[in-house]
């Protein structure tokens, strides 16, 4: 009997433990923070360098985002840069939630994806910016924010 209890507890441990490494950081978040820092400091040349470093990332979300970021850095338009960075975070959140929905049965993977989505959402709303459900609906669709 004791062996059965130990086996059950050992099998349950992975469910209780955190399935991700706290040091795991998302590329999108790191790029967002690096570019935002340079824009906040008013150094649009360094911001553009950061954007160019992350060309592959921003082209993944769509070439218009990358080109808009470059143009905004050239024009020193901090509001447009913030808008495009926010859009990339929203698209990343959408992708993480889509992947979670596709493979929801895999508990650990789904939990990891949800934690990552939450990290992205925290960055998106960190400045006390109110959660803008109307804009997010345009990315996620109307059913995504509906209450069950």
N, C-alpha and C. Protein backbone atom coordinates (compact mmCIF):
# COMPACT_ATOMS: atom_id res chain seq x y z
N UNK A 1 0.83 -1.20 0.00
CA UNK A 1 0.00 0.00 0.00
C UNK A 1 0.87 1.26 0.00
N UNK A 2 1.89 1.27 0.85
CA UNK A 2 2.78 2.42 0.96
C UNK A 2 3.47 2.70 -0.37
N UNK A 3 3.90 1.62 -1.07
CA UNK A 3 4.57 1.78 -2.36
C UNK A 3 3.64 2.42 -3.38
N UNK A 4 2.37 2.03 -3.34
CA UNK A 4 1.41 2.59 -4.28
C UNK A 4 1.22 4.10 -4.04
N UNK A 5 1.18 4.50 -2.78
CA UNK A 5 1.02 5.92 -2.45
C UNK A 5 2.23 6.71 -2.93
N UNK A 6 3.43 6.15 -2.71
CA UNK A 6 4.65 6.83 -3.13
C UNK A 6 4.68 6.98 -4.65
N UNK A 7 4.30 5.92 -5.35
CA UNK A 7 4.28 5.97 -6.81
C UNK A 7 3.29 7.03 -7.30
N UNK A 8 2.12 7.08 -6.70
CA UNK A 8 1.11 8.07 -7.09
C UNK A 8 1.64 9.49 -6.83
N UNK A 9 2.28 9.70 -5.69
CA UNK A 9 2.84 11.02 -5.38
C UNK A 9 3.95 11.40 -6.35
N UNK A 10 4.79 10.45 -6.69
CA UNK A 10 5.87 10.73 -7.63
C UNK A 10 5.33 11.06 -9.02
N UNK A 11 4.28 10.37 -9.40
CA UNK A 11 3.68 10.66 -10.70
C UNK A 11 3.00 12.03 -10.71
N UNK A 12 2.51 12.47 -9.55
CA UNK A 12 1.82 13.76 -9.47
C UNK A 12 2.79 14.94 -9.36
N UNK A 13 4.03 14.71 -8.96
CA UNK A 13 4.99 15.80 -8.79
C UNK A 13 5.17 16.68 -10.02
N UNK A 14 5.30 16.11 -11.20
CA UNK A 14 5.43 16.99 -12.37
C UNK A 14 4.24 17.92 -12.55
N UNK A 15 3.07 17.50 -12.13
CA UNK A 15 1.89 18.35 -12.26
C UNK A 15 1.94 19.51 -11.28
N UNK A 16 2.59 19.31 -10.14
CA UNK A 16 2.68 20.35 -9.13
C UNK A 16 3.85 21.30 -9.37
N UNK A 17 4.87 20.82 -10.06
CA UNK A 17 6.04 21.66 -10.28
C UNK A 17 5.82 22.60 -11.46
N UNK A 18 6.59 23.65 -11.45
CA UNK A 18 6.48 24.64 -12.52
C UNK A 18 7.17 24.10 -13.77
N UNK A 19 6.49 24.05 -14.91
CA UNK A 19 7.05 23.40 -16.09
C UNK A 19 8.00 24.27 -16.90
N UNK A 20 8.37 25.42 -16.38
CA UNK A 20 9.26 26.28 -17.15
C UNK A 20 10.36 26.82 -16.25
N UNK A 21 11.40 27.24 -16.87
CA UNK A 21 12.52 27.84 -16.17
C UNK A 21 12.25 29.33 -16.01
N UNK A 22 12.35 29.85 -14.80
CA UNK A 22 12.08 31.27 -14.56
C UNK A 22 12.97 32.18 -15.40
N UNK A 23 14.15 31.69 -15.75
CA UNK A 23 15.07 32.49 -16.55
C UNK A 23 14.68 32.53 -18.02
N UNK A 24 13.72 31.70 -18.40
CA UNK A 24 13.28 31.66 -19.78
C UNK A 24 12.66 33.01 -20.14
N UNK A 25 13.22 33.64 -21.14
CA UNK A 25 12.67 34.93 -21.55
C UNK A 25 12.28 34.86 -23.02
N UNK A 26 11.30 35.60 -23.36
CA UNK A 26 10.80 35.58 -24.74
C UNK A 26 11.54 36.62 -25.57
N UNK A 27 11.86 36.26 -26.76
CA UNK A 27 12.59 37.14 -27.68
C UNK A 27 11.78 38.41 -27.95
N UNK A 28 10.48 38.27 -28.11
CA UNK A 28 9.63 39.42 -28.41
C UNK A 28 9.66 40.43 -27.27
N UNK A 29 9.62 39.93 -26.04
CA UNK A 29 9.65 40.81 -24.87
C UNK A 29 11.00 41.50 -24.78
N UNK A 30 12.07 40.76 -24.98
CA UNK A 30 13.41 41.35 -24.92
C UNK A 30 13.59 42.44 -25.96
N UNK A 31 13.13 42.18 -27.18
CA UNK A 31 13.23 43.17 -28.25
C UNK A 31 12.38 44.39 -27.93
N UNK A 32 11.19 44.15 -27.43
CA UNK A 32 10.28 45.24 -27.05
C UNK A 32 10.94 46.15 -26.04
N UNK A 33 11.52 45.55 -25.01
CA UNK A 33 12.15 46.34 -23.94
C UNK A 33 13.37 47.10 -24.45
N UNK A 34 14.18 46.46 -25.27
CA UNK A 34 15.39 47.11 -25.78
C UNK A 34 15.05 48.30 -26.66
N UNK A 35 14.09 48.12 -27.55
CA UNK A 35 13.70 49.21 -28.45
C UNK A 35 13.01 50.32 -27.67
N UNK A 36 12.12 49.96 -26.76
CA UNK A 36 11.42 50.96 -25.95
C UNK A 36 12.39 51.79 -25.12
N UNK A 37 13.41 51.15 -24.59
CA UNK A 37 14.41 51.86 -23.79
C UNK A 37 15.11 52.93 -24.63
N UNK A 38 15.51 52.56 -25.83
CA UNK A 38 16.21 53.52 -26.70
C UNK A 38 15.29 54.66 -27.12
N UNK A 39 14.03 54.33 -27.40
CA UNK A 39 13.07 55.36 -27.79
C UNK A 39 12.82 56.31 -26.62
N UNK A 40 12.69 55.74 -25.43
CA UNK A 40 12.47 56.55 -24.23
C UNK A 40 13.64 57.50 -23.99
N UNK A 41 14.85 57.03 -24.28
CA UNK A 41 16.05 57.86 -24.13
C UNK A 41 16.21 58.85 -25.29
N UNK A 42 15.35 58.75 -26.30
CA UNK A 42 15.41 59.65 -27.44
C UNK A 42 16.49 59.31 -28.45
N UNK A 43 17.06 58.11 -28.33
CA UNK A 43 18.12 57.68 -29.24
C UNK A 43 17.52 56.79 -30.34
N UNK A 44 17.03 57.43 -31.38
CA UNK A 44 16.35 56.70 -32.46
C UNK A 44 17.33 55.95 -33.35
N UNK A 45 18.60 56.36 -33.35
CA UNK A 45 19.62 55.63 -34.12
C UNK A 45 19.82 54.25 -33.50
N UNK A 46 19.99 54.21 -32.17
CA UNK A 46 20.15 52.92 -31.49
C UNK A 46 18.86 52.11 -31.56
N UNK A 47 17.72 52.79 -31.49
CA UNK A 47 16.44 52.08 -31.61
C UNK A 47 16.35 51.39 -32.97
N UNK A 48 16.78 52.10 -34.02
CA UNK A 48 16.76 51.52 -35.36
C UNK A 48 17.72 50.33 -35.45
N UNK A 49 18.88 50.45 -34.79
CA UNK A 49 19.83 49.33 -34.77
C UNK A 49 19.20 48.11 -34.11
N UNK A 50 18.48 48.33 -33.02
CA UNK A 50 17.79 47.22 -32.34
C UNK A 50 16.72 46.60 -33.24
N UNK A 51 16.02 47.45 -33.95
CA UNK A 51 14.97 46.97 -34.87
C UNK A 51 15.60 46.11 -35.97
N UNK A 52 16.71 46.60 -36.53
CA UNK A 52 17.39 45.85 -37.60
C UNK A 52 17.92 44.52 -37.06
N UNK A 53 18.42 44.52 -35.82
CA UNK A 53 18.89 43.26 -35.20
C UNK A 53 17.77 42.24 -35.12
N UNK A 54 16.54 42.73 -34.93
CA UNK A 54 15.38 41.84 -34.77
C UNK A 54 14.55 41.74 -36.05
N UNK A 55 15.19 41.98 -37.18
CA UNK A 55 14.49 41.97 -38.48
C UNK A 55 13.70 40.67 -38.67
N UNK A 56 14.33 39.55 -38.42
CA UNK A 56 13.67 38.25 -38.64
C UNK A 56 12.41 38.13 -37.78
N UNK A 57 12.50 38.59 -36.53
CA UNK A 57 11.35 38.53 -35.62
C UNK A 57 10.20 39.37 -36.15
N UNK A 58 10.46 40.61 -36.48
CA UNK A 58 9.38 41.50 -36.91
C UNK A 58 8.85 41.17 -38.30
N UNK A 59 9.68 40.62 -39.16
CA UNK A 59 9.17 40.17 -40.45
C UNK A 59 8.30 38.92 -40.28
N UNK A 60 8.57 38.14 -39.24
CA UNK A 60 7.73 36.97 -38.94
C UNK A 60 6.29 37.42 -38.69
N UNK A 61 6.13 38.55 -38.01
CA UNK A 61 4.79 39.08 -37.72
C UNK A 61 4.19 39.80 -38.92
N UNK A 62 4.97 39.98 -39.95
CA UNK A 62 4.49 40.64 -41.17
C UNK A 62 5.44 41.76 -41.56
N UNK A 63 5.80 41.74 -42.81
CA UNK A 63 6.74 42.74 -43.31
C UNK A 63 6.28 44.18 -43.03
N UNK A 64 4.97 44.47 -43.08
CA UNK A 64 4.54 45.84 -42.77
C UNK A 64 4.94 46.31 -41.36
N UNK A 65 4.99 45.41 -40.40
CA UNK A 65 5.39 45.81 -39.05
C UNK A 65 6.85 46.22 -39.05
N UNK A 66 7.69 45.42 -39.69
CA UNK A 66 9.12 45.74 -39.73
C UNK A 66 9.36 47.06 -40.46
N UNK A 67 8.74 47.22 -41.62
CA UNK A 67 8.96 48.45 -42.39
C UNK A 67 8.39 49.67 -41.65
N UNK A 68 7.27 49.50 -40.96
CA UNK A 68 6.70 50.61 -40.18
C UNK A 68 7.62 50.99 -39.02
N UNK A 69 8.23 49.99 -38.40
CA UNK A 69 9.18 50.27 -37.31
C UNK A 69 10.38 51.05 -37.84
N UNK A 70 10.92 50.62 -38.98
CA UNK A 70 12.07 51.33 -39.56
C UNK A 70 11.71 52.76 -39.93
N UNK A 71 10.57 52.92 -40.60
CA UNK A 71 10.14 54.26 -41.01
C UNK A 71 9.90 55.15 -39.79
N UNK A 72 9.29 54.60 -38.76
CA UNK A 72 9.02 55.37 -37.55
C UNK A 72 10.30 55.78 -36.85
N UNK A 73 11.30 54.90 -36.86
CA UNK A 73 12.59 55.25 -36.26
C UNK A 73 13.26 56.36 -37.06
N UNK A 74 13.17 56.29 -38.38
CA UNK A 74 13.72 57.35 -39.23
C UNK A 74 13.00 58.68 -39.00
N UNK A 75 11.68 58.60 -38.83
CA UNK A 75 10.87 59.80 -38.62
C UNK A 75 10.87 60.27 -37.16
N UNK A 76 11.51 59.49 -36.29
CA UNK A 76 11.54 59.77 -34.83
C UNK A 76 10.13 59.86 -34.26
N UNK A 77 9.29 58.94 -34.70
CA UNK A 77 7.89 58.89 -34.27
C UNK A 77 7.74 57.82 -33.18
N UNK A 78 7.89 58.23 -31.94
CA UNK A 78 7.86 57.28 -30.83
C UNK A 78 6.48 56.63 -30.66
N UNK A 79 5.42 57.36 -30.94
CA UNK A 79 4.07 56.80 -30.79
C UNK A 79 3.83 55.65 -31.77
N UNK A 80 4.29 55.82 -33.01
CA UNK A 80 4.11 54.77 -34.01
C UNK A 80 4.97 53.55 -33.67
N UNK A 81 6.18 53.79 -33.16
CA UNK A 81 7.03 52.68 -32.74
C UNK A 81 6.33 51.89 -31.64
N UNK A 82 5.80 52.60 -30.64
CA UNK A 82 5.10 51.93 -29.54
C UNK A 82 3.91 51.13 -30.07
N UNK A 83 3.19 51.72 -31.00
CA UNK A 83 2.02 51.04 -31.59
C UNK A 83 2.43 49.73 -32.27
N UNK A 84 3.51 49.76 -33.04
CA UNK A 84 3.97 48.56 -33.75
C UNK A 84 4.53 47.52 -32.77
N UNK A 85 5.23 47.98 -31.74
CA UNK A 85 5.75 47.05 -30.73
C UNK A 85 4.59 46.38 -29.99
N UNK A 86 3.57 47.18 -29.65
CA UNK A 86 2.38 46.62 -29.00
C UNK A 86 1.70 45.60 -29.90
N UNK A 87 1.62 45.93 -31.18
CA UNK A 87 0.98 45.01 -32.13
C UNK A 87 1.75 43.68 -32.18
N UNK A 88 3.08 43.76 -32.16
CA UNK A 88 3.87 42.51 -32.19
C UNK A 88 3.62 41.68 -30.94
N UNK A 89 3.48 42.33 -29.78
CA UNK A 89 3.17 41.58 -28.56
C UNK A 89 1.79 40.94 -28.65
N UNK A 90 0.82 41.66 -29.16
CA UNK A 90 -0.53 41.11 -29.30
C UNK A 90 -0.52 39.91 -30.24
N UNK A 91 0.20 40.03 -31.34
CA UNK A 91 0.29 38.91 -32.29
C UNK A 91 0.98 37.71 -31.65
N UNK A 92 1.98 37.97 -30.82
CA UNK A 92 2.66 36.87 -30.11
C UNK A 92 1.71 36.20 -29.13
N UNK A 93 0.93 37.00 -28.41
CA UNK A 93 -0.05 36.44 -27.47
C UNK A 93 -1.06 35.60 -28.23
N UNK A 94 -1.53 36.11 -29.35
CA UNK A 94 -2.51 35.36 -30.16
C UNK A 94 -1.92 34.02 -30.61
N UNK A 95 -0.67 34.05 -31.05
CA UNK A 95 -0.02 32.81 -31.49
C UNK A 95 0.11 31.82 -30.33
N UNK A 96 0.50 32.30 -29.17
CA UNK A 96 0.64 31.42 -28.01
C UNK A 96 -0.71 30.82 -27.62
N UNK A 97 -1.76 31.62 -27.64
CA UNK A 97 -3.09 31.10 -27.31
C UNK A 97 -3.59 30.13 -28.36
N UNK A 98 -3.30 30.39 -29.63
CA UNK A 98 -3.69 29.46 -30.70
C UNK A 98 -2.99 28.12 -30.52
N UNK A 99 -1.69 28.16 -30.19
CA UNK A 99 -0.94 26.92 -29.96
C UNK A 99 -1.49 26.17 -28.76
N UNK A 100 -1.91 26.91 -27.74
CA UNK A 100 -2.49 26.28 -26.55
C UNK A 100 -3.78 25.57 -26.92
N UNK A 101 -4.59 26.22 -27.71
CA UNK A 101 -5.86 25.64 -28.12
C UNK A 101 -5.65 24.39 -28.98
N UNK A 102 -4.65 24.42 -29.86
CA UNK A 102 -4.37 23.29 -30.74
C UNK A 102 -3.97 22.03 -29.97
N UNK A 103 -3.22 22.21 -28.89
CA UNK A 103 -2.68 21.06 -28.17
C UNK A 103 -3.04 21.15 -26.69
N UNK A 104 -4.31 21.41 -26.42
CA UNK A 104 -4.75 21.64 -25.04
C UNK A 104 -4.59 20.41 -24.15
N UNK A 105 -4.61 19.23 -24.71
CA UNK A 105 -4.52 17.99 -23.94
C UNK A 105 -3.14 17.87 -23.28
N UNK A 106 -2.11 18.38 -23.92
CA UNK A 106 -0.75 18.32 -23.35
C UNK A 106 -0.64 19.37 -22.25
N UNK A 107 -0.88 18.95 -21.02
CA UNK A 107 -0.98 19.86 -19.88
C UNK A 107 0.25 20.75 -19.71
N UNK A 108 1.42 20.15 -19.66
CA UNK A 108 2.63 20.92 -19.41
C UNK A 108 2.88 21.96 -20.50
N UNK A 109 2.73 21.52 -21.73
CA UNK A 109 2.96 22.43 -22.85
C UNK A 109 1.94 23.57 -22.84
N UNK A 110 0.67 23.23 -22.59
CA UNK A 110 -0.38 24.25 -22.55
C UNK A 110 -0.13 25.24 -21.42
N UNK A 111 0.26 24.72 -20.28
CA UNK A 111 0.53 25.59 -19.13
C UNK A 111 1.70 26.53 -19.44
N UNK A 112 2.74 26.01 -20.03
CA UNK A 112 3.89 26.83 -20.40
C UNK A 112 3.49 27.94 -21.37
N UNK A 113 2.70 27.58 -22.36
CA UNK A 113 2.25 28.57 -23.35
C UNK A 113 1.38 29.65 -22.71
N UNK A 114 0.53 29.26 -21.77
CA UNK A 114 -0.31 30.24 -21.09
C UNK A 114 0.52 31.17 -20.20
N UNK A 115 1.52 30.62 -19.55
CA UNK A 115 2.40 31.45 -18.72
C UNK A 115 3.14 32.45 -19.60
N UNK A 116 3.61 32.00 -20.75
CA UNK A 116 4.31 32.91 -21.66
C UNK A 116 3.36 33.99 -22.18
N UNK A 117 2.13 33.61 -22.49
CA UNK A 117 1.14 34.60 -22.95
C UNK A 117 0.89 35.64 -21.86
N UNK A 118 0.83 35.18 -20.62
CA UNK A 118 0.62 36.10 -19.50
C UNK A 118 1.79 37.06 -19.35
N UNK A 119 3.02 36.57 -19.54
CA UNK A 119 4.20 37.44 -19.48
C UNK A 119 4.12 38.53 -20.54
N UNK A 120 3.70 38.15 -21.73
CA UNK A 120 3.57 39.13 -22.82
C UNK A 120 2.48 40.15 -22.49
N UNK A 121 1.38 39.69 -21.92
CA UNK A 121 0.29 40.59 -21.56
C UNK A 121 0.73 41.57 -20.47
N UNK A 122 1.53 41.09 -19.52
CA UNK A 122 2.05 41.98 -18.47
C UNK A 122 2.89 43.09 -19.06
N UNK A 123 3.73 42.76 -20.03
CA UNK A 123 4.56 43.78 -20.68
C UNK A 123 3.67 44.77 -21.43
N UNK A 124 2.67 44.25 -22.08
CA UNK A 124 1.75 45.09 -22.87
C UNK A 124 1.00 46.08 -21.99
N UNK A 125 0.68 45.69 -20.76
CA UNK A 125 -0.13 46.53 -19.88
C UNK A 125 0.66 47.05 -18.69
N UNK A 126 1.99 46.97 -18.72
CA UNK A 126 2.80 47.30 -17.54
C UNK A 126 2.76 48.76 -17.12
N UNK A 127 2.55 49.66 -18.02
CA UNK A 127 2.57 51.08 -17.69
C UNK A 127 1.24 51.56 -17.12
N UNK A 128 0.41 50.63 -16.67
CA UNK A 128 -0.88 51.01 -16.14
C UNK A 128 -1.87 51.37 -17.25
N UNK A 129 -1.51 51.02 -18.47
CA UNK A 129 -2.39 51.28 -19.59
C UNK A 129 -3.60 50.36 -19.44
N UNK A 130 -4.80 50.92 -19.51
CA UNK A 130 -5.98 50.06 -19.34
C UNK A 130 -6.06 49.00 -20.44
N UNK A 131 -6.55 47.87 -20.06
CA UNK A 131 -6.70 46.75 -20.98
C UNK A 131 -7.74 47.13 -22.02
N UNK A 132 -7.32 47.29 -23.25
CA UNK A 132 -8.20 47.77 -24.30
C UNK A 132 -8.83 46.59 -25.05
N UNK A 133 -9.95 46.15 -24.55
CA UNK A 133 -10.61 44.97 -25.11
C UNK A 133 -11.06 45.18 -26.54
N UNK A 134 -11.41 46.39 -26.89
CA UNK A 134 -11.90 46.64 -28.25
C UNK A 134 -10.79 46.38 -29.26
N UNK A 135 -9.59 46.90 -29.00
CA UNK A 135 -8.48 46.68 -29.93
C UNK A 135 -8.08 45.21 -29.97
N UNK A 136 -8.07 44.55 -28.80
CA UNK A 136 -7.68 43.15 -28.77
C UNK A 136 -8.70 42.27 -29.49
N UNK A 137 -9.96 42.66 -29.46
CA UNK A 137 -10.98 41.88 -30.19
C UNK A 137 -10.66 41.83 -31.67
N UNK A 138 -10.11 42.92 -32.19
CA UNK A 138 -9.80 42.93 -33.62
C UNK A 138 -8.71 41.91 -33.95
N UNK A 139 -7.85 41.60 -32.97
CA UNK A 139 -6.81 40.60 -33.20
C UNK A 139 -7.30 39.19 -32.90
N UNK A 140 -8.06 39.03 -31.79
CA UNK A 140 -8.44 37.70 -31.35
C UNK A 140 -9.79 37.25 -31.85
N UNK A 141 -10.60 38.14 -32.31
CA UNK A 141 -11.95 37.79 -32.71
C UNK A 141 -12.93 38.05 -31.58
N UNK A 142 -14.17 38.20 -31.88
CA UNK A 142 -15.16 38.61 -30.89
C UNK A 142 -15.41 37.56 -29.81
N UNK A 143 -15.27 36.29 -30.14
CA UNK A 143 -15.58 35.25 -29.15
C UNK A 143 -14.47 35.10 -28.11
N UNK A 144 -13.27 35.61 -28.41
CA UNK A 144 -12.13 35.38 -27.53
C UNK A 144 -12.28 36.05 -26.18
N UNK A 145 -12.94 37.18 -26.11
CA UNK A 145 -13.05 37.91 -24.85
C UNK A 145 -14.42 37.75 -24.20
N UNK A 146 -15.25 36.88 -24.78
CA UNK A 146 -16.58 36.66 -24.21
C UNK A 146 -16.47 35.82 -22.95
N UNK A 147 -17.32 36.08 -22.02
CA UNK A 147 -17.34 35.29 -20.78
C UNK A 147 -18.11 33.99 -21.03
N UNK A 148 -17.64 32.91 -20.41
CA UNK A 148 -18.34 31.62 -20.62
C UNK A 148 -19.70 31.60 -19.99
